[in-house]
C-alpha atoms as a PDB file:
ATOM      1  CA  MET A   1     127.388 -58.317 -79.617  1.00  0.00           C
ATOM      2  CA  THR A   2     129.490 -58.723 -82.707  1.00  0.00           C
ATOM      3  CA  GLY A   3     127.636 -56.276 -84.929  1.00  0.00           C
ATOM      4  CA  ILE A   4     128.500 -52.855 -86.210  1.00  0.00           C
ATOM      5  CA  LEU A   5     127.163 -49.626 -84.729  1.00  0.00           C
ATOM      6  CA  LEU A   6     126.785 -46.393 -86.666  1.00  0.00           C
ATOM      7  CA  VAL A   7     127.285 -43.455 -84.309  1.00  0.00           C
ATOM      8  CA  LYS A   8     126.149 -39.990 -85.440  1.00  0.00           C
ATOM      9  CA  GLN A   9     126.746 -36.732 -83.578  1.00  0.00           C
ATOM     10  CA  ILE A  10     123.512 -34.734 -83.423  1.00  0.00           C
ATOM     11  CA  LYS A  11     124.368 -31.985 -80.911  1.00  0.00           C
ATOM     12  CA  SER A  12     127.353 -29.762 -80.279  1.00  0.00           C
ATOM     13  CA  VAL A  13     129.760 -30.245 -77.373  1.00  0.00           C
ATOM     14  CA  ILE A  14     129.950 -26.490 -76.768  1.00  0.00           C
ATOM     15  CA  GLY A  15     129.186 -25.806 -73.123  1.00  0.00           C
ATOM     16  CA  LYS A  16     129.226 -29.498 -72.185  1.00  0.00           C
ATOM     17  CA  PRO A  17     131.462 -30.995 -69.463  1.00  0.00           C
ATOM     18  CA  GLU A  18     135.036 -31.873 -70.407  1.00  0.00           C
ATOM     19  CA  LYS A  19     134.337 -35.579 -69.830  1.00  0.00           C
ATOM     20  CA  HIS A  20     131.593 -35.539 -72.476  1.00  0.00           C
ATOM     21  CA  ARG A  21     133.863 -33.718 -74.925  1.00  0.00           C
ATOM     22  CA  ARG A  22     136.559 -36.372 -74.459  1.00  0.00           C
ATOM     23  CA  VAL A  23     134.077 -39.211 -74.974  1.00  0.00           C
ATOM     24  CA  VAL A  24     132.752 -37.692 -78.221  1.00  0.00           C
ATOM     25  CA  LYS A  25     136.326 -37.181 -79.422  1.00  0.00           C
ATOM     26  CA  SER A  26     137.266 -40.765 -78.553  1.00  0.00           C
ATOM     27  CA  LEU A  27     134.314 -41.974 -80.617  1.00  0.00           C
ATOM     28  CA  GLY A  28     136.022 -40.253 -83.563  1.00  0.00           C
ATOM     29  CA  LEU A  29     133.422 -37.517 -83.985  1.00  0.00           C
ATOM     30  CA  LYS A  30     134.583 -33.997 -84.804  1.00  0.00           C
ATOM     31  CA  LYS A  31     131.649 -32.338 -86.567  1.00  0.00           C
ATOM     32  CA  LEU A  32     127.884 -32.357 -86.329  1.00  0.00           C
ATOM     33  CA  HIS A  33     126.114 -35.022 -88.415  1.00  0.00           C
ATOM     34  CA  GLN A  34     129.355 -36.951 -88.824  1.00  0.00           C
ATOM     35  CA  VAL A  35     128.911 -40.746 -88.787  1.00  0.00           C
ATOM     36  CA  LYS A  36     131.479 -43.306 -87.622  1.00  0.00           C
ATOM     37  CA  GLU A  37     131.355 -47.108 -87.562  1.00  0.00           C
ATOM     38  CA  HIS A  38     132.320 -48.962 -84.386  1.00  0.00           C
ATOM     39  CA  SER A  39     132.206 -52.596 -83.390  1.00  0.00           C
ATOM     40  CA  ASP A  40     129.471 -53.402 -80.892  1.00  0.00           C
ATOM     41  CA  THR A  41     131.447 -53.857 -77.665  1.00  0.00           C
ATOM     42  CA  PRO A  42     130.554 -53.084 -74.042  1.00  0.00           C
ATOM     43  CA  SER A  43     133.098 -50.234 -73.923  1.00  0.00           C
ATOM     44  CA  ILE A  44     131.629 -48.538 -77.012  1.00  0.00           C
ATOM     45  CA  ARG A  45     128.111 -49.030 -75.620  1.00  0.00           C
ATOM     46  CA  GLY A  46     129.200 -47.386 -72.367  1.00  0.00           C
ATOM     47  CA  MET A  47     130.625 -44.376 -74.204  1.00  0.00           C
ATOM     48  CA  ILE A  48     127.405 -44.034 -76.211  1.00  0.00           C
ATOM     49  CA  ASN A  49     125.332 -44.196 -73.016  1.00  0.00           C
ATOM     50  CA  THR A  50     127.495 -41.477 -71.442  1.00  0.00           C
ATOM     51  CA  VAL A  51     126.806 -39.026 -74.278  1.00  0.00           C
ATOM     52  CA  SER A  52     123.400 -40.344 -75.364  1.00  0.00           C
ATOM     53  CA  HIS A  53     122.060 -36.773 -75.418  1.00  0.00           C
ATOM     54  CA  LEU A  54     124.687 -35.807 -78.029  1.00  0.00           C
ATOM     55  CA  VAL A  55     124.745 -38.856 -80.328  1.00  0.00           C
ATOM     56  CA  ILE A  56     122.480 -41.401 -82.004  1.00  0.00           C
ATOM     57  CA  ALA A  57     123.556 -45.024 -82.438  1.00  0.00           C
ATOM     58  CA  GLU A  58     122.035 -47.437 -84.941  1.00  0.00           C
ATOM     59  CA  GLU A  59     122.886 -51.035 -85.689  1.00  0.00           C
ATOM     60  CA  LYS A  60     124.086 -51.676 -89.201  1.00  0.00           C
END
Protein backbone atom coordinates (compact mmCIF):
# COMPACT_ATOMS: atom_id res chain seq x y z
CA MET A 1 0.00 0.00 0.00
CA THR A 2 2.53 2.59 -1.02
CA GLY A 3 0.83 3.75 -4.21
CA ILE A 4 -1.02 6.89 -5.10
CA LEU A 5 -4.80 7.18 -5.20
CA LEU A 6 -6.69 9.67 -7.35
CA VAL A 7 -9.91 10.65 -5.59
CA LYS A 8 -12.64 12.39 -7.62
CA GLN A 9 -15.87 13.84 -6.23
CA ILE A 10 -18.80 12.73 -8.38
CA LYS A 11 -21.81 13.76 -6.26
CA SER A 12 -22.72 16.79 -4.20
CA VAL A 13 -22.70 16.83 -0.39
CA ILE A 14 -25.92 18.86 -0.29
CA GLY A 15 -28.40 17.09 1.96
CA LYS A 16 -25.83 14.56 3.18
CA PRO A 17 -24.97 13.98 6.87
CA GLU A 18 -22.45 16.33 8.48
CA LYS A 19 -20.00 13.45 8.96
CA HIS A 20 -19.91 12.80 5.21
CA ARG A 21 -19.40 16.50 4.50
CA ARG A 22 -16.43 16.59 6.88
CA VAL A 23 -14.87 13.49 5.30
CA VAL A 24 -15.16 14.94 1.77
CA LYS A 25 -13.64 18.21 3.01
CA SER A 26 -10.78 16.38 4.72
CA LEU A 27 -10.03 14.61 1.45
CA GLY A 28 -9.43 18.09 0.01
CA LEU A 29 -12.46 18.10 -2.28
CA LYS A 30 -14.48 21.30 -2.64
CA LYS A 31 -16.17 21.06 -6.04
CA LEU A 32 -17.72 18.38 -8.20
CA HIS A 33 -15.33 16.58 -10.57
CA GLN A 34 -12.33 17.85 -8.62
CA VAL A 35 -9.46 15.34 -8.38
CA LYS A 36 -6.92 15.08 -5.56
CA GLU A 37 -3.94 12.77 -5.10
CA HIS A 38 -3.49 10.92 -1.81
CA SER A 39 -1.05 8.29 -0.65
CA ASP A 40 -2.58 4.83 -0.32
CA THR A 41 -2.89 4.45 3.46
CA PRO A 42 -5.48 2.66 5.60
CA SER A 43 -6.84 5.98 6.91
CA ILE A 44 -7.40 7.36 3.40
CA ARG A 45 -8.99 4.06 2.34
CA GLY A 46 -11.35 4.28 5.32
CA MET A 47 -12.40 7.81 4.41
CA ILE A 48 -13.02 6.73 0.81
CA ASN A 49 -15.13 3.79 2.00
CA THR A 50 -17.18 6.12 4.21
CA VAL A 51 -18.16 8.35 1.28
CA SER A 52 -17.93 5.76 -1.51
CA HIS A 53 -21.30 6.94 -2.84
CA LEU A 54 -19.89 10.47 -3.34
CA VAL A 55 -16.39 9.78 -4.69
CA ILE A 56 -14.47 7.53 -7.07
CA ALA A 57 -10.94 6.36 -6.27
CA GLU A 58 -8.46 5.06 -8.84
CA GLU A 59 -4.90 3.90 -8.42
CA LYS A 60 -2.34 5.93 -10.30
